[in-house]
Amino acid sequence: MSVLEGRLDRLRADLERSPVVRMGSYDYAVTPITDGIPRVDPRALREAIDRIMRIADLDCDVILAPEAMGIPIAVPLSLRTGVPYAIVRKRRYGLPGEVEVDQSTGYSRCAMFINGVKAGDKVVIVDDILSTGGTLRCIVAMLQRMGVRIVDIVAVLEKGDARPALERELGMRIKTLLRIDIRDAKVVVSDPLPGTGETMTKP
């Protein structure tokens, strides 16, 4: 491993330059990793994927990601590991074995649909950001009802204070790479809250 491998300098810089817009009653950070806007620097994405490869348990049957911005995380991980990926979609396909998830977040509520995952599968869930935890909570609950084993959960970013309580509720750790906050209409980047996968980096 090179000296710089596993660092998140470009990702941090991209986040710190991200604009903040007002959406209703809250401020929203428009970042490349969470919105694909204005454009994603592949070097920043590579940093995130390299870090996930170091901290995540990717001994699984399926890498599962909610659309839309979980997709750019799942695809390179699939290419690096050879593990198939599946996307939790917001569209019903009516395929055999399709399972509906009632997604509820602090921003919206809608149905999502899981295909390509079955009882007994070992799954790693990846996403771009953990904020309210509503999406993750719903997906985890449904997978557990399906008899799926959740090996690991990783989000590139965390925002807000939902993660510790959600970890206690779900009975499992949620690993994140960086934390973002909005202060004075600017994005502030810091290390994750104590207890995340950042402290479990593989040698």
Protein backbone atom coordinates (compact mmCIF):
# COMPACT_ATOMS: atom_id res chain seq x y z
CA MET A 1 0.00 0.00 0.00
CA SER A 2 1.33 3.43 -0.91
CA VAL A 3 1.65 6.17 1.68
CA LEU A 4 -1.41 8.00 0.31
CA GLU A 5 -3.64 4.97 -0.23
CA GLY A 6 -6.61 4.97 2.09
CA ARG A 7 -6.50 8.73 2.72
CA LEU A 8 -9.53 10.87 1.98
CA ASP A 9 -7.93 14.20 1.08
CA ARG A 10 -9.69 14.71 -2.25
CA LEU A 11 -13.01 13.57 -0.87
CA ARG A 12 -12.67 16.00 2.04
CA ALA A 13 -11.77 18.85 -0.32
CA ASP A 14 -14.76 18.10 -2.59
CA LEU A 15 -17.09 18.12 0.40
CA GLU A 16 -15.70 21.35 1.81
CA ARG A 17 -16.25 23.10 -1.53
CA SER A 18 -19.84 21.89 -1.83
CA PRO A 19 -22.61 24.50 -1.98
CA VAL A 20 -25.40 24.61 0.58
CA VAL A 21 -28.97 25.31 -0.57
CA ARG A 22 -32.12 25.97 1.40
CA MET A 23 -34.77 23.26 1.00
CA GLY A 24 -37.92 24.13 2.89
CA SER A 25 -36.94 24.51 6.51
CA TYR A 26 -33.47 22.98 6.39
CA ASP A 27 -30.08 23.51 4.76
CA TYR A 28 -28.94 20.86 2.28
CA ALA A 29 -25.35 20.23 1.18
CA VAL A 30 -25.13 19.49 -2.54
CA THR A 31 -22.06 17.23 -2.72
CA PRO A 32 -20.64 15.18 -5.58
CA ILE A 33 -20.71 11.93 -3.57
CA THR A 34 -24.36 12.34 -2.49
CA ASP A 35 -25.84 14.07 -5.54
CA GLY A 36 -23.46 13.61 -8.45
CA ILE A 37 -23.42 17.40 -8.74
CA PRO A 38 -21.59 19.28 -10.10
CA ARG A 39 -19.44 16.29 -11.08
CA VAL A 40 -17.71 13.44 -9.33
CA ASP A 41 -13.92 13.39 -9.24
CA PRO A 42 -12.99 9.72 -9.82
CA ARG A 43 -9.98 10.18 -7.55
CA ALA A 44 -12.28 11.13 -4.66
CA LEU A 45 -14.50 8.14 -5.40
CA ARG A 46 -11.44 5.90 -5.52
CA GLU A 47 -10.39 7.16 -2.09
CA ALA A 48 -13.81 6.23 -0.68
CA ILE A 49 -13.75 2.78 -2.28
CA ASP A 50 -10.19 2.11 -1.08
CA ARG A 51 -11.22 3.00 2.48
CA ILE A 52 -14.34 0.82 2.32
CA MET A 53 -12.22 -2.08 1.07
CA ARG A 54 -10.06 -1.67 4.18
CA ILE A 55 -12.77 -1.38 6.84
CA ALA A 56 -15.68 -3.47 5.53
CA ASP A 57 -16.30 -7.19 5.79
CA LEU A 58 -16.97 -7.95 2.13
CA ASP A 59 -17.21 -11.72 2.55
CA CYS A 60 -20.76 -11.76 1.26
CA ASP A 61 -23.05 -13.02 -1.51
CA VAL A 62 -24.52 -9.64 -2.50
CA ILE A 63 -23.56 -5.98 -2.18
CA LEU A 64 -26.87 -4.15 -1.72
CA ALA A 65 -27.38 -0.43 -2.24
CA PRO A 66 -30.46 1.82 -2.30
CA GLU A 67 -30.86 3.99 -5.37
CA ALA A 68 -29.76 6.38 -6.50
CA MET A 69 -26.42 7.41 -5.02
CA GLY A 70 -25.66 4.05 -3.44
CA ILE A 71 -25.11 2.79 -6.99
CA PRO A 72 -21.74 4.54 -7.60
CA ILE A 73 -20.53 2.95 -4.36
CA ALA A 74 -21.78 -0.56 -5.07
CA VAL A 75 -20.50 -0.84 -8.65
CA PRO A 76 -16.76 -0.30 -8.03
CA LEU A 77 -16.93 -2.50 -4.93
CA SER A 78 -18.47 -5.24 -7.05
CA LEU A 79 -15.73 -4.85 -9.67
CA ARG A 80 -12.99 -4.92 -7.01
CA THR A 81 -14.37 -7.92 -5.10
CA GLY A 82 -16.15 -9.96 -7.77
CA VAL A 83 -19.27 -9.96 -5.58
CA PRO A 84 -22.57 -9.30 -7.41
CA TYR A 85 -24.51 -6.17 -6.51
CA ALA A 86 -28.25 -5.48 -6.34
CA ILE A 87 -30.08 -2.18 -6.11
CA VAL A 88 -33.06 -1.42 -3.89
CA ARG A 89 -35.25 0.38 -6.42
CA LYS A 90 -38.15 2.82 -6.13
CA ARG A 91 -39.99 1.04 -8.93
CA ARG A 92 -42.05 -2.14 -8.77
CA TYR A 93 -41.07 -4.78 -11.34
CA GLY A 94 -43.36 -7.60 -10.26
CA LEU A 95 -40.61 -10.22 -10.49
CA PRO A 96 -40.84 -13.48 -8.53
CA GLY A 97 -39.42 -12.96 -5.04
CA GLU A 98 -39.69 -9.17 -5.18
CA VAL A 99 -40.13 -7.64 -1.71
CA GLU A 100 -41.60 -4.21 -0.96
CA VAL A 101 -39.96 -1.92 1.58
CA ASP A 102 -41.82 1.05 3.07
CA GLN A 103 -39.12 3.73 3.02
CA SER A 104 -39.52 6.56 5.47
CA THR A 105 -36.92 9.29 6.00
CA GLY A 106 -36.88 12.74 7.49
CA TYR A 107 -37.47 14.11 4.00
CA SER A 108 -39.94 11.78 2.30
CA ARG A 109 -41.87 8.54 2.35
CA CYS A 110 -42.19 6.05 -0.50
CA ALA A 111 -42.05 2.37 -1.36
CA MET A 112 -38.85 0.63 -2.41
CA PHE A 113 -38.40 -2.85 -3.85
CA ILE A 114 -35.78 -5.54 -3.30
CA ASN A 115 -34.97 -8.05 -6.01
CA GLY A 116 -32.12 -10.54 -6.33
CA VAL A 117 -31.79 -11.27 -2.60
CA LYS A 118 -33.14 -14.38 -0.89
CA ALA A 119 -33.22 -16.06 2.51
CA GLY A 120 -29.80 -17.27 3.59
CA ASP A 121 -27.88 -14.73 1.53
CA LYS A 122 -25.06 -12.80 3.20
CA VAL A 123 -25.44 -9.11 2.35
CA VAL A 124 -23.36 -5.97 2.78
CA ILE A 125 -25.38 -2.74 2.61
CA VAL A 126 -23.59 0.32 1.19
CA ASP A 127 -24.84 3.87 0.70
CA ASP A 128 -23.61 7.40 0.14
CA ILE A 129 -24.88 8.95 3.38
CA LEU A 130 -26.55 8.13 6.68
CA SER A 131 -28.70 11.03 7.84
CA THR A 132 -31.99 10.27 9.57
CA GLY A 133 -31.51 6.51 9.16
CA GLY A 134 -35.05 6.02 7.86
CA THR A 135 -34.09 4.26 4.64
CA LEU A 136 -31.56 1.99 6.32
CA ARG A 137 -33.94 1.11 9.15
CA CYS A 138 -36.61 -0.03 6.69
CA ILE A 139 -34.20 -2.03 4.53
CA VAL A 140 -32.60 -3.79 7.50
CA ALA A 141 -35.99 -4.70 8.99
CA MET A 142 -37.16 -6.20 5.70
CA LEU A 143 -33.95 -8.15 5.13
CA GLN A 144 -34.18 -9.61 8.61
CA ARG A 145 -37.78 -10.68 7.98
CA MET A 146 -36.60 -12.30 4.75
CA GLY A 147 -34.02 -14.35 6.62
CA VAL A 148 -31.07 -12.53 5.07
CA ARG A 149 -27.82 -12.25 7.05
CA ILE A 150 -26.49 -8.67 7.13
CA VAL A 151 -22.71 -8.95 7.27
CA ASP A 152 -21.85 -5.25 7.32
CA ILE A 153 -23.27 -1.76 6.76
CA VAL A 154 -21.17 1.09 5.35
CA ALA A 155 -22.03 4.66 4.41
CA VAL A 156 -19.47 7.07 2.98
CA LEU A 157 -20.81 9.98 5.04
CA GLU A 158 -22.81 10.53 8.19
CA LYS A 159 -24.79 13.65 8.97
CA GLY A 160 -26.64 14.41 12.18
CA ASP A 161 -26.75 12.29 15.31
CA ALA A 162 -28.95 9.36 14.26
CA ARG A 163 -26.24 6.71 13.96
CA PRO A 164 -25.58 5.79 17.64
CA ALA A 165 -29.29 5.33 18.42
CA LEU A 166 -29.84 3.45 15.16
CA GLU A 167 -26.94 1.11 15.96
CA ARG A 168 -28.53 0.32 19.33
CA GLU A 169 -31.93 -0.20 17.72
CA LEU A 170 -30.62 -2.49 14.98
CA GLY A 171 -28.08 -4.26 17.20
CA MET A 172 -25.28 -3.78 14.68
CA ARG A 173 -22.48 -1.37 13.81
CA ILE A 174 -22.74 1.12 10.98
CA LYS A 175 -19.38 2.14 9.53
CA THR A 176 -18.85 5.60 8.05
CA LEU A 177 -15.84 7.30 6.49
CA LEU A 178 -16.46 10.99 7.22
CA ARG A 179 -18.93 13.20 9.02
CA ILE A 180 -20.41 16.38 7.54
CA ASP A 181 -22.18 19.22 9.28
CA ILE A 182 -23.52 22.52 8.01
CA ARG A 183 -22.44 25.62 9.89
CA ASP A 184 -23.01 29.16 8.71
CA ALA A 185 -24.14 27.83 5.31
CA LYS A 186 -20.86 25.95 4.82
CA VAL A 187 -20.00 22.24 4.85
CA VAL A 188 -17.73 21.25 7.72
CA VAL A 189 -15.98 17.88 7.41
CA SER A 190 -14.72 15.86 10.36
CA ASP A 191 -13.92 12.31 11.36
CA PRO A 192 -16.83 9.98 12.18
CA LEU A 193 -18.32 9.82 15.63
CA PRO A 194 -16.53 7.40 17.98
CA GLY A 195 -17.41 3.75 17.56
CA THR A 196 -17.62 3.60 13.75
CA GLY A 197 -15.68 1.34 11.46
CA GLU A 198 -12.94 3.95 11.29
CA THR A 199 -11.50 2.35 14.42
CA MET A 200 -11.61 -1.09 12.79
CA THR A 201 -9.24 -0.42 9.88
CA LYS A 202 -7.62 -3.61 8.63
CA PRO A 203 -3.83 -3.70 8.87
